[in-house]
């Protein structure tokens, strides 16, 4: 699975931090919505197209938070 994009709401701490990830594996696209940092709770969404996955990402990034796109680390291949 390859991570394509990562967004963060700019807040620190288990209660306030939120992350959204866009990943792909073959023809499938995955969106992960995580609350609470690395030890937090995640919800996963699976899509057949990048456009559909990006529509979900846009929906998740709405609201009062100031979302930032973070760099994706190159895969270790």
N, C-alpha and C. Protein backbone atom coordinates (compact mmCIF):
# COMPACT_ATOMS: atom_id res chain seq x y z
N UNK A 1 0.85 -1.17 0.00
CA UNK A 1 0.00 0.00 0.00
C UNK A 1 0.90 1.24 0.00
N UNK A 2 0.55 2.20 -0.81
CA UNK A 2 1.33 3.43 -0.94
C UNK A 2 0.54 4.62 -0.42
N UNK A 3 1.16 5.36 0.48
CA UNK A 3 0.53 6.57 0.99
C UNK A 3 0.78 7.70 0.00
N UNK A 4 -0.28 8.36 -0.44
CA UNK A 4 -0.17 9.44 -1.41
C UNK A 4 -0.20 10.82 -0.77
N UNK A 5 -1.08 11.02 0.22
CA UNK A 5 -1.19 12.34 0.84
C UNK A 5 -1.55 12.16 2.31
N UNK A 6 -1.24 13.23 3.08
CA UNK A 6 -1.52 13.24 4.51
C UNK A 6 -1.86 14.67 4.91
N UNK A 7 -2.98 14.82 5.61
CA UNK A 7 -3.39 16.12 6.12
C UNK A 7 -3.48 16.03 7.64
N UNK A 8 -3.19 17.16 8.31
CA UNK A 8 -3.20 17.25 9.77
C UNK A 8 -3.89 18.55 10.14
N UNK A 9 -4.68 18.52 11.21
CA UNK A 9 -5.42 19.72 11.60
C UNK A 9 -4.57 20.73 12.37
N UNK A 10 -3.30 20.47 12.55
CA UNK A 10 -2.40 21.45 13.17
C UNK A 10 -2.45 21.50 14.68
N UNK A 11 -3.16 20.57 15.30
CA UNK A 11 -3.30 20.58 16.75
C UNK A 11 -2.54 19.40 17.35
N UNK A 12 -1.97 19.62 18.52
CA UNK A 12 -1.21 18.59 19.23
C UNK A 12 -2.06 17.99 20.33
N UNK A 13 -1.75 16.80 20.70
CA UNK A 13 -2.42 16.15 21.83
C UNK A 13 -3.44 15.13 21.38
N UNK A 14 -3.64 14.14 22.22
CA UNK A 14 -4.53 13.04 21.88
C UNK A 14 -5.97 13.48 21.68
N UNK A 15 -6.42 14.47 22.38
CA UNK A 15 -7.81 14.89 22.27
C UNK A 15 -8.04 15.73 21.02
N UNK A 16 -7.10 16.60 20.67
CA UNK A 16 -7.32 17.58 19.61
C UNK A 16 -6.83 17.15 18.23
N UNK A 17 -5.83 16.29 18.17
CA UNK A 17 -5.21 15.97 16.88
C UNK A 17 -6.12 15.14 15.99
N UNK A 18 -6.13 15.51 14.69
CA UNK A 18 -6.84 14.73 13.67
C UNK A 18 -5.96 14.62 12.44
N UNK A 19 -6.01 13.47 11.78
CA UNK A 19 -5.25 13.23 10.56
C UNK A 19 -6.17 12.59 9.53
N UNK A 20 -5.89 12.87 8.26
CA UNK A 20 -6.57 12.22 7.14
C UNK A 20 -5.48 11.75 6.18
N UNK A 21 -5.57 10.48 5.77
CA UNK A 21 -4.58 9.89 4.87
C UNK A 21 -5.27 9.41 3.60
N UNK A 22 -4.58 9.57 2.48
CA UNK A 22 -5.02 9.02 1.20
C UNK A 22 -3.99 7.99 0.78
N UNK A 23 -4.45 6.75 0.55
CA UNK A 23 -3.54 5.67 0.17
C UNK A 23 -4.11 4.92 -1.03
N UNK A 24 -3.23 4.23 -1.73
CA UNK A 24 -3.66 3.42 -2.87
C UNK A 24 -2.95 2.07 -2.84
N UNK A 25 -3.63 1.09 -3.39
CA UNK A 25 -3.07 -0.25 -3.54
C UNK A 25 -3.69 -0.84 -4.80
N UNK A 26 -2.92 -0.87 -5.87
CA UNK A 26 -3.47 -1.33 -7.14
C UNK A 26 -4.53 -0.36 -7.63
N UNK A 27 -5.73 -0.86 -7.91
CA UNK A 27 -6.83 -0.03 -8.39
C UNK A 27 -7.72 0.49 -7.27
N UNK A 28 -7.41 0.14 -6.03
CA UNK A 28 -8.23 0.56 -4.90
C UNK A 28 -7.63 1.79 -4.22
N UNK A 29 -8.51 2.65 -3.73
CA UNK A 29 -8.11 3.87 -3.01
C UNK A 29 -8.70 3.81 -1.62
N UNK A 30 -7.93 4.26 -0.63
CA UNK A 30 -8.33 4.19 0.77
C UNK A 30 -8.16 5.56 1.42
N UNK A 31 -9.13 5.92 2.23
CA UNK A 31 -9.06 7.14 3.04
C UNK A 31 -9.14 6.69 4.49
N UNK A 32 -8.21 7.19 5.30
CA UNK A 32 -8.23 6.92 6.73
C UNK A 32 -8.45 8.24 7.45
N UNK A 33 -9.44 8.27 8.32
CA UNK A 33 -9.70 9.42 9.18
C UNK A 33 -9.32 8.99 10.59
N UNK A 34 -8.31 9.67 11.17
CA UNK A 34 -7.81 9.28 12.49
C UNK A 34 -7.96 10.44 13.47
N UNK A 35 -8.47 10.15 14.64
CA UNK A 35 -8.57 11.14 15.72
C UNK A 35 -7.73 10.64 16.90
N UNK A 36 -6.91 11.53 17.46
CA UNK A 36 -6.15 11.17 18.64
C UNK A 36 -4.72 10.74 18.40
N UNK A 37 -4.16 11.05 17.25
CA UNK A 37 -2.77 10.72 16.98
C UNK A 37 -2.57 9.24 16.72
N UNK A 38 -1.33 8.78 16.82
CA UNK A 38 -1.00 7.40 16.47
C UNK A 38 -1.70 6.37 17.35
N UNK A 39 -2.07 6.76 18.56
CA UNK A 39 -2.77 5.84 19.47
C UNK A 39 -4.28 6.02 19.39
N UNK A 40 -4.75 6.83 18.44
CA UNK A 40 -6.16 7.17 18.37
C UNK A 40 -7.02 6.15 17.66
N UNK A 41 -8.21 6.61 17.31
CA UNK A 41 -9.22 5.78 16.65
C UNK A 41 -9.28 6.14 15.18
N UNK A 42 -9.38 5.13 14.31
CA UNK A 42 -9.44 5.36 12.87
C UNK A 42 -10.73 4.83 12.27
N UNK A 43 -11.16 5.50 11.22
CA UNK A 43 -12.26 5.05 10.38
C UNK A 43 -11.69 4.94 8.97
N UNK A 44 -12.03 3.86 8.27
CA UNK A 44 -11.48 3.60 6.96
C UNK A 44 -12.59 3.59 5.91
N UNK A 45 -12.27 4.13 4.74
CA UNK A 45 -13.19 4.18 3.62
C UNK A 45 -12.46 3.66 2.39
N UNK A 46 -13.13 2.84 1.58
CA UNK A 46 -12.52 2.23 0.40
C UNK A 46 -13.26 2.68 -0.85
N UNK A 47 -12.51 3.02 -1.93
CA UNK A 47 -13.09 3.53 -3.16
C UNK A 47 -12.45 2.88 -4.37
N UNK A 48 -13.20 2.89 -5.47
CA UNK A 48 -12.71 2.32 -6.73
C UNK A 48 -11.99 3.35 -7.60
N UNK A 49 -12.05 4.63 -7.21
CA UNK A 49 -11.39 5.66 -8.01
C UNK A 49 -10.76 6.72 -7.12
N UNK A 50 -9.73 7.35 -7.65
CA UNK A 50 -9.07 8.44 -6.92
C UNK A 50 -10.04 9.60 -6.73
N UNK A 51 -10.84 9.91 -7.74
CA UNK A 51 -11.79 11.03 -7.63
C UNK A 51 -12.77 10.83 -6.47
N UNK A 52 -13.30 9.62 -6.35
CA UNK A 52 -14.24 9.33 -5.26
C UNK A 52 -13.55 9.46 -3.90
N UNK A 53 -12.31 8.97 -3.80
CA UNK A 53 -11.56 9.09 -2.55
C UNK A 53 -11.29 10.55 -2.21
N UNK A 54 -10.92 11.35 -3.22
CA UNK A 54 -10.66 12.77 -2.97
C UNK A 54 -11.92 13.53 -2.59
N UNK A 55 -13.08 13.10 -3.11
CA UNK A 55 -14.34 13.71 -2.67
C UNK A 55 -14.54 13.50 -1.18
N UNK A 56 -14.23 12.30 -0.69
CA UNK A 56 -14.36 12.02 0.74
C UNK A 56 -13.35 12.84 1.54
N UNK A 57 -12.12 12.94 1.05
CA UNK A 57 -11.11 13.75 1.73
C UNK A 57 -11.60 15.19 1.87
N UNK A 58 -12.11 15.77 0.79
CA UNK A 58 -12.62 17.16 0.84
C UNK A 58 -13.73 17.29 1.87
N UNK A 59 -14.61 16.31 1.95
CA UNK A 59 -15.69 16.35 2.94
C UNK A 59 -15.14 16.28 4.36
N UNK A 60 -14.12 15.46 4.57
CA UNK A 60 -13.54 15.33 5.91
C UNK A 60 -12.77 16.57 6.34
N UNK A 61 -12.25 17.32 5.38
CA UNK A 61 -11.44 18.50 5.72
C UNK A 61 -12.27 19.77 5.90
N UNK A 62 -13.58 19.67 5.81
CA UNK A 62 -14.43 20.84 6.04
C UNK A 62 -14.58 21.08 7.53
N UNK A 63 -14.89 22.30 7.89
CA UNK A 63 -15.09 22.62 9.29
C UNK A 63 -14.12 23.67 9.78
N UNK A 64 -14.08 23.87 11.08
CA UNK A 64 -13.30 24.97 11.66
C UNK A 64 -11.79 24.76 11.72
N UNK A 65 -11.33 23.51 11.59
CA UNK A 65 -9.89 23.26 11.70
C UNK A 65 -9.14 23.84 10.51
N UNK A 66 -7.88 24.21 10.74
CA UNK A 66 -7.00 24.72 9.68
C UNK A 66 -6.10 23.57 9.24
N UNK A 67 -6.56 22.83 8.25
CA UNK A 67 -5.85 21.64 7.79
C UNK A 67 -4.59 22.00 7.01
N UNK A 68 -3.55 21.20 7.20
CA UNK A 68 -2.27 21.37 6.50
C UNK A 68 -1.94 20.06 5.81
N UNK A 69 -1.48 20.17 4.57
CA UNK A 69 -1.01 18.98 3.88
C UNK A 69 0.45 18.75 4.26
N UNK A 70 0.76 17.56 4.71
CA UNK A 70 2.12 17.21 5.11
C UNK A 70 2.78 16.44 4.00
N UNK A 71 4.10 16.50 3.96
CA UNK A 71 4.87 15.74 2.96
C UNK A 71 4.75 14.26 3.24
N UNK A 72 4.73 13.49 2.18
CA UNK A 72 4.71 12.03 2.30
C UNK A 72 6.14 11.55 2.18
N UNK A 73 6.55 10.71 3.10
CA UNK A 73 7.91 10.14 3.04
C UNK A 73 7.99 9.17 1.88
N UNK A 74 9.08 9.19 1.14
CA UNK A 74 9.24 8.22 0.04
C UNK A 74 9.25 6.81 0.58
N UNK A 75 8.65 5.89 -0.18
CA UNK A 75 8.63 4.51 0.27
C UNK A 75 10.03 3.91 0.20
N UNK A 76 10.31 2.98 1.12
CA UNK A 76 11.63 2.35 1.19
C UNK A 76 11.63 1.10 0.31
N UNK A 77 11.77 1.27 -0.98
CA UNK A 77 11.80 0.13 -1.90
C UNK A 77 13.17 -0.09 -2.42
